[in-house]
Amino acid sequence: VQLVESGGGLVQPGGSLRLSCTASGIIFGHYNMAWYRQAPGKQRELVTTITNGGTTNYIDSVKGRFTISRDNAKNTVILQMNSLKPEDTALYYCNAEHPNYETNYWGQGTQVTVSS
């Protein structure tokens, strides 16, 4: 099983980034997908989720700025991040969790840095 993230980088405050996570080795459409992030010196936190049925949830600090979506035909989950703030700086991880079985997979992470 592999989850491969891409799309991170350095962006100025107010800018946008689009993160992608492509999965292989799983039946992607069966899995709930999520993005987590971990800032230096802080614990990893859940940012947003999308269920296998397409229901989404966001933490309050990113509501209205971030959008999660999925393309089951391409085994891909996308995180569109707009109006980025310095406090969004973190290593962003993709996660796949099966809703019925104790299986949970992680990507290697992609760095997002928001700085002027």
PDB file of N, CA and C in Angstrom:
ATOM      1  N   VAL A   1       0.845  -1.185   0.000  1.00  0.00           N
ATOM      2  CA  VAL A   1       0.000   0.000   0.000  1.00  0.00           C
ATOM      3  C   VAL A   1       0.887   1.244   0.000  1.00  0.00           C
ATOM      4  N   GLN A   2       0.560   2.183  -0.853  1.00  0.00           N
ATOM      5  CA  GLN A   2       1.290   3.454  -0.888  1.00  0.00           C
ATOM      6  C   GLN A   2       0.330   4.626  -0.987  1.00  0.00           C
ATOM      7  N   LEU A   3       0.623   5.656  -0.208  1.00  0.00           N
ATOM      8  CA  LEU A   3      -0.034   6.944  -0.343  1.00  0.00           C
ATOM      9  C   LEU A   3       1.057   7.956  -0.654  1.00  0.00           C
ATOM     10  N   VAL A   4       0.945   8.607  -1.790  1.00  0.00           N
ATOM     11  CA  VAL A   4       1.993   9.529  -2.221  1.00  0.00           C
ATOM     12  C   VAL A   4       1.404  10.930  -2.336  1.00  0.00           C
ATOM     13  N   GLU A   5       1.931  11.831  -1.479  1.00  0.00           N
ATOM     14  CA  GLU A   5       1.461  13.219  -1.488  1.00  0.00           C
ATOM     15  C   GLU A   5       2.345  14.066  -2.395  1.00  0.00           C
ATOM     16  N   SER A   6       1.765  15.113  -2.921  1.00  0.00           N
ATOM     17  CA  SER A   6       2.519  16.086  -3.697  1.00  0.00           C
ATOM     18  C   SER A   6       1.812  17.432  -3.611  1.00  0.00           C
ATOM     19  N   GLY A   7       2.530  18.483  -4.027  1.00  0.00           N
ATOM     20  CA  GLY A   7       1.901  19.794  -4.126  1.00  0.00           C
ATOM     21  C   GLY A   7       2.299  20.783  -3.048  1.00  0.00           C
ATOM     22  N   GLY A   8       3.082  20.361  -2.084  1.00  0.00           N
ATOM     23  CA  GLY A   8       3.516  21.292  -1.056  1.00  0.00           C
ATOM     24  C   GLY A   8       4.520  22.294  -1.597  1.00  0.00           C
ATOM     25  N   GLY A   9       4.849  23.279  -0.761  1.00  0.00           N
ATOM     26  CA  GLY A   9       5.819  24.268  -1.177  1.00  0.00           C
ATOM     27  C   GLY A   9       5.777  25.501  -0.306  1.00  0.00           C
ATOM     28  N   LEU A  10       6.443  26.536  -0.782  1.00  0.00           N
ATOM     29  CA  LEU A  10       6.497  27.821  -0.082  1.00  0.00           C
ATOM     30  C   LEU A  10       5.536  28.791  -0.764  1.00  0.00           C
ATOM     31  N   VAL A  11       4.705  29.439   0.039  1.00  0.00           N
ATOM     32  CA  VAL A  11       3.729  30.370  -0.509  1.00  0.00           C
ATOM     33  C   VAL A  11       3.607  31.558   0.435  1.00  0.00           C
ATOM     34  N   GLN A  12       3.284  32.709  -0.105  1.00  0.00           N
ATOM     35  CA  GLN A  12       3.105  33.904   0.715  1.00  0.00           C
ATOM     36  C   GLN A  12       1.740  33.868   1.403  1.00  0.00           C
ATOM     37  N   PRO A  13       1.617  34.554   2.516  1.00  0.00           N
ATOM     38  CA  PRO A  13       0.301  34.649   3.166  1.00  0.00           C
ATOM     39  C   PRO A  13      -0.753  35.161   2.182  1.00  0.00           C
ATOM     40  N   GLY A  14      -1.920  34.525   2.241  1.00  0.00           N
ATOM     41  CA  GLY A  14      -2.982  34.852   1.305  1.00  0.00           C
ATOM     42  C   GLY A  14      -2.965  34.032   0.036  1.00  0.00           C
ATOM     43  N   GLY A  15      -1.914  33.282  -0.155  1.00  0.00           N
ATOM     44  CA  GLY A  15      -1.788  32.477  -1.357  1.00  0.00           C
ATOM     45  C   GLY A  15      -2.519  31.149  -1.273  1.00  0.00           C
ATOM     46  N   SER A  16      -2.357  30.339  -2.312  1.00  0.00           N
ATOM     47  CA  SER A  16      -3.050  29.053  -2.412  1.00  0.00           C
ATOM     48  C   SER A  16      -2.074  27.941  -2.768  1.00  0.00           C
ATOM     49  N   LEU A  17      -2.415  26.753  -2.322  1.00  0.00           N
ATOM     50  CA  LEU A  17      -1.719  25.535  -2.711  1.00  0.00           C
ATOM     51  C   LEU A  17      -2.742  24.425  -2.887  1.00  0.00           C
ATOM     52  N   ARG A  18      -2.389  23.469  -3.711  1.00  0.00           N
ATOM     53  CA  ARG A  18      -3.263  22.317  -3.953  1.00  0.00           C
ATOM     54  C   ARG A  18      -2.453  21.056  -3.693  1.00  0.00           C
ATOM     55  N   LEU A  19      -2.821  20.336  -2.669  1.00  0.00           N
ATOM     56  CA  LEU A  19      -2.149  19.088  -2.329  1.00  0.00           C
ATOM     57  C   LEU A  19      -2.907  17.918  -2.949  1.00  0.00           C
ATOM     58  N   SER A  20      -2.142  16.936  -3.415  1.00  0.00           N
ATOM     59  CA  SER A  20      -2.727  15.713  -3.954  1.00  0.00           C
ATOM     60  C   SER A  20      -2.175  14.512  -3.207  1.00  0.00           C
ATOM     61  N   CYS A  21      -2.982  13.496  -3.102  1.00  0.00           N
ATOM     62  CA  CYS A  21      -2.552  12.226  -2.515  1.00  0.00           C
ATOM     63  C   CYS A  21      -3.118  11.115  -3.388  1.00  0.00           C
ATOM     64  N   THR A  22      -2.226  10.314  -3.948  1.00  0.00           N
ATOM     65  CA  THR A  22      -2.644   9.208  -4.794  1.00  0.00           C
ATOM     66  C   THR A  22      -2.338   7.895  -4.096  1.00  0.00           C
ATOM     67  N   ALA A  23      -3.336   7.043  -4.035  1.00  0.00           N
ATOM     68  CA  ALA A  23      -3.211   5.778  -3.324  1.00  0.00           C
ATOM     69  C   ALA A  23      -3.073   4.622  -4.295  1.00  0.00           C
ATOM     70  N   SER A  24      -2.338   3.621  -3.853  1.00  0.00           N
ATOM     71  CA  SER A  24      -2.232   2.370  -4.605  1.00  0.00           C
ATOM     72  C   SER A  24      -2.223   1.226  -3.605  1.00  0.00           C
ATOM     73  N   GLY A  25      -2.715   0.074  -4.051  1.00  0.00           N
ATOM     74  CA  GLY A  25      -2.710  -1.104  -3.191  1.00  0.00           C
ATOM     75  C   GLY A  25      -3.927  -1.248  -2.312  1.00  0.00           C
ATOM     76  N   ILE A  26      -4.882  -0.334  -2.442  1.00  0.00           N
ATOM     77  CA  ILE A  26      -6.128  -0.435  -1.681  1.00  0.00           C
ATOM     78  C   ILE A  26      -7.304  -0.214  -2.635  1.00  0.00           C
ATOM     79  N   ILE A  27      -8.487  -0.640  -2.196  1.00  0.00           N
ATOM     80  CA  ILE A  27      -9.698  -0.316  -2.947  1.00  0.00           C
ATOM     81  C   ILE A  27     -10.107   1.076  -2.483  1.00  0.00           C
ATOM     82  N   PHE A  28      -9.611   2.080  -3.180  1.00  0.00           N
ATOM     83  CA  PHE A  28      -9.680   3.460  -2.730  1.00  0.00           C
ATOM     84  C   PHE A  28     -11.097   3.884  -2.357  1.00  0.00           C
ATOM     85  N   GLY A  29     -12.055   3.515  -3.153  1.00  0.00           N
ATOM     86  CA  GLY A  29     -13.429   3.956  -2.928  1.00  0.00           C
ATOM     87  C   GLY A  29     -14.041   3.435  -1.642  1.00  0.00           C
ATOM     88  N   HIS A  30     -13.432   2.458  -1.024  1.00  0.00           N
ATOM     89  CA  HIS A  30     -13.947   1.915   0.229  1.00  0.00           C
ATOM     90  C   HIS A  30     -13.466   2.707   1.448  1.00  0.00           C
ATOM     91  N   TYR A  31     -12.441   3.509   1.260  1.00  0.00           N
ATOM     92  CA  TYR A  31     -11.762   4.137   2.383  1.00  0.00           C
ATOM     93  C   TYR A  31     -12.230   5.557   2.649  1.00  0.00           C
ATOM     94  N   ASN A  32     -12.291   5.894   3.928  1.00  0.00           N
ATOM     95  CA  ASN A  32     -12.392   7.282   4.342  1.00  0.00           C
ATOM     96  C   ASN A  32     -10.995   7.882   4.247  1.00  0.00           C
ATOM     97  N   MET A  33     -10.921   9.116   3.739  1.00  0.00           N
ATOM     98  CA  MET A  33      -9.627   9.757   3.545  1.00  0.00           C
ATOM     99  C   MET A  33      -9.548  11.013   4.412  1.00  0.00           C
ATOM    100  N   ALA A  34      -8.332  11.377   4.780  1.00  0.00           N
ATOM    101  CA  ALA A  34      -8.145  12.541   5.639  1.00  0.00           C
ATOM    102  C   ALA A  34      -6.801  13.198   5.356  1.00  0.00           C
ATOM    103  N   TRP A  35      -6.722  14.454   5.731  1.00  0.00           N
ATOM    104  CA  TRP A  35      -5.456  15.172   5.765  1.00  0.00           C
ATOM    105  C   TRP A  35      -5.191  15.577   7.213  1.00  0.00           C
ATOM    106  N   TYR A  36      -3.983  15.295   7.655  1.00  0.00           N
ATOM    107  CA  TYR A  36      -3.480  15.727   8.947  1.00  0.00           C
ATOM    108  C   TYR A  36      -2.311  16.678   8.701  1.00  0.00           C
ATOM    109  N   ARG A  37      -1.954  17.392   9.753  1.00  0.00           N
ATOM    110  CA  ARG A  37      -0.748  18.229   9.658  1.00  0.00           C
ATOM    111  C   ARG A  37      -0.042  18.249  11.008  1.00  0.00           C
ATOM    112  N   GLN A  38       1.255  18.481  10.922  1.00  0.00           N
ATOM    113  CA  GLN A  38       2.068  18.566  12.129  1.00  0.00           C
ATOM    114  C   GLN A  38       3.051  19.714  11.984  1.00  0.00           C
ATOM    115  N   ALA A  39       2.883  20.699  12.839  1.00  0.00           N
ATOM    116  CA  ALA A  39       3.790  21.840  12.859  1.00  0.00           C
ATOM    117  C   ALA A  39       4.952  21.531  13.799  1.00  0.00           C
ATOM    118  N   PRO A  40       6.081  22.205  13.617  1.00  0.00           N
ATOM    119  CA  PRO A  40       7.242  21.947  14.488  1.00  0.00           C
ATOM    120  C   PRO A  40       6.889  22.142  15.959  1.00  0.00           C
ATOM    121  N   GLY A  41       7.230  21.147  16.764  1.00  0.00           N
ATOM    122  CA  GLY A  41       6.988  21.240  18.197  1.00  0.00           C
ATOM    123  C   GLY A  41       5.563  20.994  18.623  1.00  0.00           C
ATOM    124  N   LYS A  42       4.712  20.619  17.669  1.00  0.00           N
ATOM    125  CA  LYS A  42       3.298  20.389  17.992  1.00  0.00           C
ATOM    126  C   LYS A  42       2.889  18.973  17.625  1.00  0.00           C
ATOM    127  N   GLN A  43       1.763  18.543  18.199  1.00  0.00           N
ATOM    128  CA  GLN A  43       1.252  17.227  17.867  1.00  0.00           C
ATOM    129  C   GLN A  43       0.571  17.250  16.509  1.00  0.00           C
ATOM    130  N   ARG A  44       0.514  16.080  15.892  1.00  0.00           N
ATOM    131  CA  ARG A  44      -0.193  15.957  14.630  1.00  0.00           C
ATOM    132  C   ARG A  44      -1.677  16.201  14.884  1.00  0.00           C
ATOM    133  N   GLU A  45      -2.304  16.988  14.001  1.00  0.00           N
ATOM    134  CA  GLU A  45      -3.725  17.271  14.159  1.00  0.00           C
ATOM    135  C   GLU A  45      -4.487  16.945  12.882  1.00  0.00           C
ATOM    136  N   LEU A  46      -5.718  16.508  13.081  1.00  0.00           N
ATOM    137  CA  LEU A  46      -6.606  16.230  11.963  1.00  0.00           C
ATOM    138  C   LEU A  46      -7.106  17.544  11.392  1.00  0.00           C
ATOM    139  N   VAL A  47      -6.994  17.702  10.085  1.00  0.00           N
ATOM    140  CA  VAL A  47      -7.409  18.935   9.418  1.00  0.00           C
ATOM    141  C   VAL A  47      -8.783  18.771   8.775  1.00  0.00           C
ATOM    142  N   THR A  48      -8.948  17.704   8.003  1.00  0.00           N
ATOM    143  CA  THR A  48     -10.180  17.511   7.264  1.00  0.00           C
ATOM    144  C   THR A  48     -10.339  16.050   6.882  1.00  0.00           C
ATOM    145  N   THR A  49     -11.599  15.634   6.745  1.00  0.00           N
ATOM    146  CA  THR A  49     -11.881  14.272   6.332  1.00  0.00           C
ATOM    147  C   THR A  49     -12.926  14.261   5.224  1.00  0.00           C
ATOM    148  N   ILE A  50     -12.896  13.192   4.450  1.00  0.00           N
ATOM    149  CA  ILE A  50     -13.949  12.936   3.474  1.00  0.00           C
ATOM    150  C   ILE A  50     -14.236  11.439   3.534  1.00  0.00           C
ATOM    151  N   THR A  51     -15.498  11.101   3.752  1.00  0.00           N
ATOM    152  CA  THR A  51     -15.855   9.696   3.875  1.00  0.00           C
ATOM    153  C   THR A  51     -15.903   9.031   2.508  1.00  0.00           C
ATOM    154  N   ASN A  52     -16.068   7.717   2.525  1.00  0.00           N
ATOM    155  CA  ASN A  52     -16.182   7.015   1.246  1.00  0.00           C
ATOM    156  C   ASN A  52     -17.458   7.425   0.514  1.00  0.00           C
ATOM    157  N   GLY A  53     -18.389   8.013   1.211  1.00  0.00           N
ATOM    158  CA  GLY A  53     -19.617   8.515   0.587  1.00  0.00           C
ATOM    159  C   GLY A  53     -19.556   9.979   0.194  1.00  0.00           C
ATOM    160  N   GLY A  54     -18.443  10.641   0.515  1.00  0.00           N
ATOM    161  CA  GLY A  54     -18.256  12.031   0.109  1.00  0.00           C
ATOM    162  C   GLY A  54     -18.595  13.075   1.156  1.00  0.00           C
ATOM    163  N   THR A  55     -18.939  12.663   2.362  1.00  0.00           N
ATOM    164  CA  THR A  55     -19.221  13.630   3.423  1.00  0.00           C
ATOM    165  C   THR A  55     -17.915  14.221   3.940  1.00  0.00           C
ATOM    166  N   THR A  56     -17.907  15.525   4.094  1.00  0.00           N
ATOM    167  CA  THR A  56     -16.680  16.205   4.504  1.00  0.00           C
ATOM    168  C   THR A  56     -16.827  16.859   5.874  1.00  0.00           C
ATOM    169  N   ASN A  57     -15.679  17.000   6.538  1.00  0.00           N
ATOM    170  CA  ASN A  57     -15.604  17.732   7.800  1.00  0.00           C
ATOM    171  C   ASN A  57     -14.287  18.473   7.862  1.00  0.00           C
ATOM    172  N   TYR A  58     -14.310  19.615   8.574  1.00  0.00           N
ATOM    173  CA  TYR A  58     -13.114  20.451   8.680  1.00  0.00           C
ATOM    174  C   TYR A  58     -12.964  20.943  10.116  1.00  0.00           C
ATOM    175  N   ILE A  59     -11.716  21.165  10.512  1.00  0.00           N
ATOM    176  CA  ILE A  59     -11.526  21.857  11.780  1.00  0.00           C
ATOM    177  C   ILE A  59     -11.877  23.329  11.568  1.00  0.00           C
ATOM    178  N   ASP A  60     -12.249  23.982  12.655  1.00  0.00           N
ATOM    179  CA  ASP A  60     -12.756  25.347  12.547  1.00  0.00           C
ATOM    180  C   ASP A  60     -11.756  26.312  11.900  1.00  0.00           C
ATOM    181  N   SER A  61     -10.489  26.120  12.182  1.00  0.00           N
ATOM    182  CA  SER A  61      -9.482  27.084  11.710  1.00  0.00           C
ATOM    183  C   SER A  61      -9.299  27.077  10.195  1.00  0.00           C
ATOM    184  N   VAL A  62      -9.806  26.064   9.504  1.00  0.00           N
ATOM    185  CA  VAL A  62      -9.634  26.015   8.047  1.00  0.00           C
ATOM    186  C   VAL A  62     -10.966  26.100   7.297  1.00  0.00           C
ATOM    187  N   LYS A  63     -12.063  26.116   8.022  1.00  0.00           N
ATOM    188  CA  LYS A  63     -13.377  26.194   7.366  1.00  0.00           C
ATOM    189  C   LYS A  63     -13.471  27.460   6.521  1.00  0.00           C
ATOM    190  N   GLY A  64     -13.964  27.272   5.305  1.00  0.00           N
ATOM    191  CA  GLY A  64     -14.085  28.406   4.388  1.00  0.00           C
ATOM    192  C   GLY A  64     -12.829  28.697   3.601  1.00  0.00           C
ATOM    193  N   ARG A  65     -11.724  28.058   3.980  1.00  0.00           N
ATOM    194  CA  ARG A  65     -10.461  28.290   3.262  1.00  0.00           C
ATOM    195  C   ARG A  65      -9.958  27.016   2.565  1.00  0.00           C
ATOM    196  N   PHE A  66     -10.175  25.879   3.183  1.00  0.00           N
ATOM    197  CA  PHE A  66      -9.697  24.611   2.632  1.00  0.00           C
ATOM    198  C   PHE A  66     -10.887  23.804   2.106  1.00  0.00           C
ATOM    199  N   THR A  67     -10.642  23.045   1.039  1.00  0.00           N
ATOM    200  CA  THR A  67     -11.658  22.154   0.487  1.00  0.00           C
ATOM    201  C   THR A  67     -11.026  20.805   0.176  1.00  0.00           C
ATOM    202  N   ILE A  68     -11.636  19.756   0.716  1.00  0.00           N
ATOM    203  CA  ILE A  68     -11.187  18.400   0.407  1.00  0.00           C
ATOM    204  C   ILE A  68     -12.132  17.796  -0.623  1.00  0.00           C
ATOM    205  N   SER A  69     -11.562  17.041  -1.541  1.00  0.00           N
ATOM    206  CA  SER A  69     -12.364  16.348  -2.542  1.00  0.00           C
ATOM    207  C   SER A  69     -11.664  15.053  -2.913  1.00  0.00           C
ATOM    208  N   ARG A  70     -12.404  14.182  -3.581  1.00  0.00           N
ATOM    209  CA  ARG A  70     -11.808  12.906  -3.984  1.00  0.00           C
ATOM    210  C   ARG A  70     -12.269  12.538  -5.378  1.00  0.00           C
ATOM    211  N   ASP A  71     -11.387  11.822  -6.077  1.00  0.00           N
ATOM    212  CA  ASP A  71     -11.686  11.277  -7.394  1.00  0.00           C
ATOM    213  C   ASP A  71     -11.407   9.793  -7.309  1.00  0.00           C
ATOM    214  N   ASN A  72     -12.450   9.016  -7.124  1.00  0.00           N
ATOM    215  CA  ASN A  72     -12.262   7.580  -6.940  1.00  0.00           C
ATOM    216  C   ASN A  72     -11.724   6.892  -8.191  1.00  0.00           C
ATOM    217  N   ALA A  73     -12.018   7.458  -9.354  1.00  0.00           N
ATOM    218  CA  ALA A  73     -11.512   6.872 -10.593  1.00  0.00           C
ATOM    219  C   ALA A  73      -9.996   7.008 -10.702  1.00  0.00           C
ATOM    220  N   LYS A  74      -9.448   8.023 -10.026  1.00  0.00           N
ATOM    221  CA  LYS A  74      -8.006   8.261 -10.074  1.00  0.00           C
ATOM    222  C   LYS A  74      -7.321   7.916  -8.756  1.00  0.00           C
ATOM    223  N   ASN A  75      -8.079   7.346  -7.821  1.00  0.00           N
ATOM    224  CA  ASN A  75      -7.517   6.978  -6.510  1.00  0.00           C
ATOM    225  C   ASN A  75      -6.825   8.163  -5.845  1.00  0.00           C
ATOM    226  N   THR A  76      -7.436   9.323  -5.952  1.00  0.00           N
ATOM    227  CA  THR A  76      -6.789  10.553  -5.509  1.00  0.00           C
ATOM    228  C   THR A  76      -7.703  11.369  -4.604  1.00  0.00           C
ATOM    229  N   VAL A  77      -7.085  11.943  -3.569  1.00  0.00           N
ATOM    230  CA  VAL A  77      -7.769  12.918  -2.725  1.00  0.00           C
ATOM    231  C   VAL A  77      -7.002  14.231  -2.838  1.00  0.00           C
ATOM    232  N   ILE A  78      -7.754  15.298  -2.902  1.00  0.00           N
ATOM    233  CA  ILE A  78      -7.187  16.630  -3.127  1.00  0.00           C
ATOM    234  C   ILE A  78      -7.488  17.524  -1.924  1.00  0.00           C
ATOM    235  N   LEU A  79      -6.535  18.356  -1.567  1.00  0.00           N
ATOM    236  CA  LEU A  79      -6.783  19.400  -0.576  1.00  0.00           C
ATOM    237  C   LEU A  79      -6.456  20.743  -1.227  1.00  0.00           C
ATOM    238  N   GLN A  80      -7.486  21.506  -1.503  1.00  0.00           N
ATOM    239  CA  GLN A  80      -7.304  22.859  -2.031  1.00  0.00           C
ATOM    240  C   GLN A  80      -7.247  23.816  -0.852  1.00  0.00           C
ATOM    241  N   MET A  81      -6.155  24.546  -0.748  1.00  0.00           N
ATOM    242  CA  MET A  81      -5.937  25.450   0.385  1.00  0.00           C
ATOM    243  C   MET A  81      -5.829  26.876  -0.145  1.00  0.00           C
ATOM    244  N   ASN A  82      -6.754  27.707   0.271  1.00  0.00           N
ATOM    245  CA  ASN A  82      -6.774  29.120  -0.128  1.00  0.00           C
ATOM    246  C   ASN A  82      -6.599  30.015   1.094  1.00  0.00           C
ATOM    247  N   SER A  83      -6.284  31.257   0.838  1.00  0.00           N
ATOM    248  CA  SER A  83      -6.120  32.247   1.915  1.00  0.00           C
ATOM    249  C   SER A  83      -5.201  31.716   3.012  1.00  0.00           C
ATOM    250  N   LEU A  84      -4.089  31.185   2.608  1.00  0.00           N
ATOM    251  CA  LEU A  84      -3.177  30.546   3.556  1.00  0.00           C
ATOM    252  C   LEU A  84      -2.596  31.543   4.543  1.00  0.00           C
ATOM    253  N   LYS A  85      -2.376  31.060   5.754  1.00  0.00           N
ATOM    254  CA  LYS A  85      -1.842  31.874   6.842  1.00  0.00           C
ATOM    255  C   LYS A  85      -0.547  31.247   7.345  1.00  0.00           C
ATOM    256  N   PRO A  86       0.308  32.029   7.971  1.00  0.00           N
ATOM    257  CA  PRO A  86       1.546  31.458   8.523  1.00  0.00           C
ATOM    258  C   PRO A  86       1.285  30.288   9.468  1.00  0.00           C
ATOM    259  N   GLU A  87       0.191  30.322  10.190  1.00  0.00           N
ATOM    260  CA  GLU A  87      -0.108  29.225  11.119  1.00  0.00           C
ATOM    261  C   GLU A  87      -0.527  27.940  10.415  1.00  0.00           C
ATOM    262  N   ASP A  88      -0.696  27.974   9.096  1.00  0.00           N
ATOM    263  CA  ASP A  88      -0.956  26.750   8.335  1.00  0.00           C
ATOM    264  C   ASP A  88       0.343  26.009   8.001  1.00  0.00           C
ATOM    265  N   THR A  89       1.471  26.621   8.306  1.00  0.00           N
ATOM    266  CA  THR A  89       2.757  25.987   8.042  1.00  0.00           C
ATOM    267  C   THR A  89       2.882  24.689   8.817  1.00  0.00           C
ATOM    268  N   ALA A  90       3.147  23.605   8.104  1.00  0.00           N
ATOM    269  CA  ALA A  90       3.229  22.284   8.726  1.00  0.00           C
ATOM    270  C   ALA A  90       3.595  21.253   7.670  1.00  0.00           C
ATOM    271  N   LEU A  91       3.892  20.064   8.150  1.00  0.00           N
ATOM    272  CA  LEU A  91       4.022  18.904   7.278  1.00  0.00           C
ATOM    273  C   LEU A  91       2.633  18.280   7.168  1.00  0.00           C
ATOM    274  N   TYR A  92       2.136  18.157   5.958  1.00  0.00           N
ATOM    275  CA  TYR A  92       0.779  17.660   5.730  1.00  0.00           C
ATOM    276  C   TYR A  92       0.832  16.196   5.297  1.00  0.00           C
ATOM    277  N   TYR A  93       0.013  15.392   5.968  1.00  0.00           N
ATOM    278  CA  TYR A  93      -0.015  13.956   5.725  1.00  0.00           C
ATOM    279  C   TYR A  93      -1.382  13.519   5.218  1.00  0.00           C
ATOM    280  N   CYS A  94      -1.366  12.616   4.280  1.00  0.00           N
ATOM    281  CA  CYS A  94      -2.567  11.966   3.787  1.00  0.00           C
ATOM    282  C   CYS A  94      -2.789  10.679   4.598  1.00  0.00           C
ATOM    283  N   ASN A  95      -4.047  10.388   4.874  1.00  0.00           N
ATOM    284  CA  ASN A  95      -4.387   9.189   5.649  1.00  0.00           C
ATOM    285  C   ASN A  95      -5.566   8.481   5.018  1.00  0.00           C
ATOM    286  N   ALA A  96      -5.495   7.150   5.002  1.00  0.00           N
ATOM    287  CA  ALA A  96      -6.597   6.318   4.521  1.00  0.00           C
ATOM    288  C   ALA A  96      -7.006   5.372   5.637  1.00  0.00           C
ATOM    289  N   GLU A  97      -8.297   5.351   5.931  1.00  0.00           N
ATOM    290  CA  GLU A  97      -8.798   4.488   7.008  1.00  0.00           C
ATOM    291  C   GLU A  97     -10.030   3.751   6.518  1.00  0.00           C
ATOM    292  N   HIS A  98     -10.022   2.430   6.676  1.00  0.00           N
ATOM    293  CA  HIS A  98     -11.200   1.668   6.286  1.00  0.00           C
ATOM    294  C   HIS A  98     -12.242   1.782   7.397  1.00  0.00           C
ATOM    295  N   PRO A  99     -13.474   2.055   7.053  1.00  0.00           N
ATOM    296  CA  PRO A  99     -14.485   2.269   8.096  1.00  0.00           C
ATOM    297  C   PRO A  99     -14.892   1.018   8.858  1.00  0.00           C
ATOM    298  N   ASN A 100     -14.584  -0.166   8.307  1.00  0.00           N
ATOM    299  CA  ASN A 100     -15.047  -1.402   8.925  1.00  0.00           C
ATOM    300  C   ASN A 100     -13.924  -2.280   9.463  1.00  0.00           C
ATOM    301  N   TYR A 101     -12.720  -2.031   9.020  1.00  0.00           N
ATOM    302  CA  TYR A 101     -11.588  -2.843   9.438  1.00  0.00           C
ATOM    303  C   TYR A 101     -10.520  -1.951  10.055  1.00  0.00           C
ATOM    304  N   GLU A 102      -9.711  -2.533  10.895  1.00  0.00           N
ATOM    305  CA  GLU A 102      -8.662  -1.756  11.568  1.00  0.00           C
ATOM    306  C   GLU A 102      -7.452  -1.619  10.664  1.00  0.00           C
ATOM    307  N   THR A 103      -7.664  -0.958   9.548  1.00  0.00           N
ATOM    308  CA  THR A 103      -6.568  -0.683   8.624  1.00  0.00           C
ATOM    309  C   THR A 103      -6.456   0.813   8.447  1.00  0.00           C
ATOM    310  N   ASN A 104      -5.242   1.284   8.528  1.00  0.00           N
ATOM    311  CA  ASN A 104      -4.961   2.719   8.531  1.00  0.00           C
ATOM    312  C   ASN A 104      -3.612   2.923   7.881  1.00  0.00           C
ATOM    313  N   TYR A 105      -3.569   3.777   6.852  1.00  0.00           N
ATOM    314  CA  TYR A 105      -2.330   3.985   6.104  1.00  0.00           C
ATOM    315  C   TYR A 105      -1.994   5.468   6.032  1.00  0.00           C
ATOM    316  N   TRP A 106      -0.688   5.734   5.987  1.00  0.00           N
ATOM    317  CA  TRP A 106      -0.184   7.111   5.966  1.00  0.00           C
ATOM    318  C   TRP A 106       0.749   7.335   4.790  1.00  0.00           C
ATOM    319  N   GLY A 107       0.702   8.569   4.273  1.00  0.00           N
ATOM    320  CA  GLY A 107       1.699   8.990   3.312  1.00  0.00           C
ATOM    321  C   GLY A 107       2.943   9.490   4.023  1.00  0.00           C
ATOM    322  N   GLN A 108       3.922   9.909   3.230  1.00  0.00           N
ATOM    323  CA  GLN A 108       5.208  10.335   3.792  1.00  0.00           C
ATOM    324  C   GLN A 108       5.202  11.803   4.207  1.00  0.00           C
ATOM    325  N   GLY A 109       4.199  12.548   3.776  1.00  0.00           N
ATOM    326  CA  GLY A 109       4.087  13.956   4.133  1.00  0.00           C
ATOM    327  C   GLY A 109       4.625  14.882   3.063  1.00  0.00           C
ATOM    328  N   THR A 110       4.031  16.053   2.994  1.00  0.00           N
ATOM    329  CA  THR A 110       4.503  17.101   2.087  1.00  0.00           C
ATOM    330  C   THR A 110       4.511  18.422   2.866  1.00  0.00           C
ATOM    331  N   GLN A 111       5.606  19.161   2.733  1.00  0.00           N
ATOM    332  CA  GLN A 111       5.789  20.369   3.534  1.00  0.00           C
ATOM    333  C   GLN A 111       5.054  21.555   2.909  1.00  0.00           C
ATOM    334  N   VAL A 112       4.322  22.256   3.752  1.00  0.00           N
ATOM    335  CA  VAL A 112       3.679  23.515   3.375  1.00  0.00           C
ATOM    336  C   VAL A 112       4.242  24.605   4.260  1.00  0.00           C
ATOM    337  N   THR A 113       4.813  25.624   3.654  1.00  0.00           N
ATOM    338  CA  THR A 113       5.369  26.756   4.386  1.00  0.00           C
ATOM    339  C   THR A 113       4.723  28.039   3.883  1.00  0.00           C
ATOM    340  N   VAL A 114       4.132  28.777   4.811  1.00  0.00           N
ATOM    341  CA  VAL A 114       3.474  30.034   4.476  1.00  0.00           C
ATOM    342  C   VAL A 114       4.265  31.157   5.131  1.00  0.00           C
ATOM    343  N   SER A 115       4.934  31.924   4.295  1.00  0.00           N
ATOM    344  CA  SER A 115       5.824  32.957   4.823  1.00  0.00           C
ATOM    345  C   SER A 115       6.046  34.040   3.775  1.00  0.00           C
ATOM    346  N   SER A 116       6.235  35.255   4.250  1.00  0.00           N
ATOM    347  CA  SER A 116       6.557  36.352   3.340  1.00  0.00           C
ATOM    348  C   SER A 116       8.076  36.530   3.249  1.00  0.00           C
TER     349      SER A 116
END
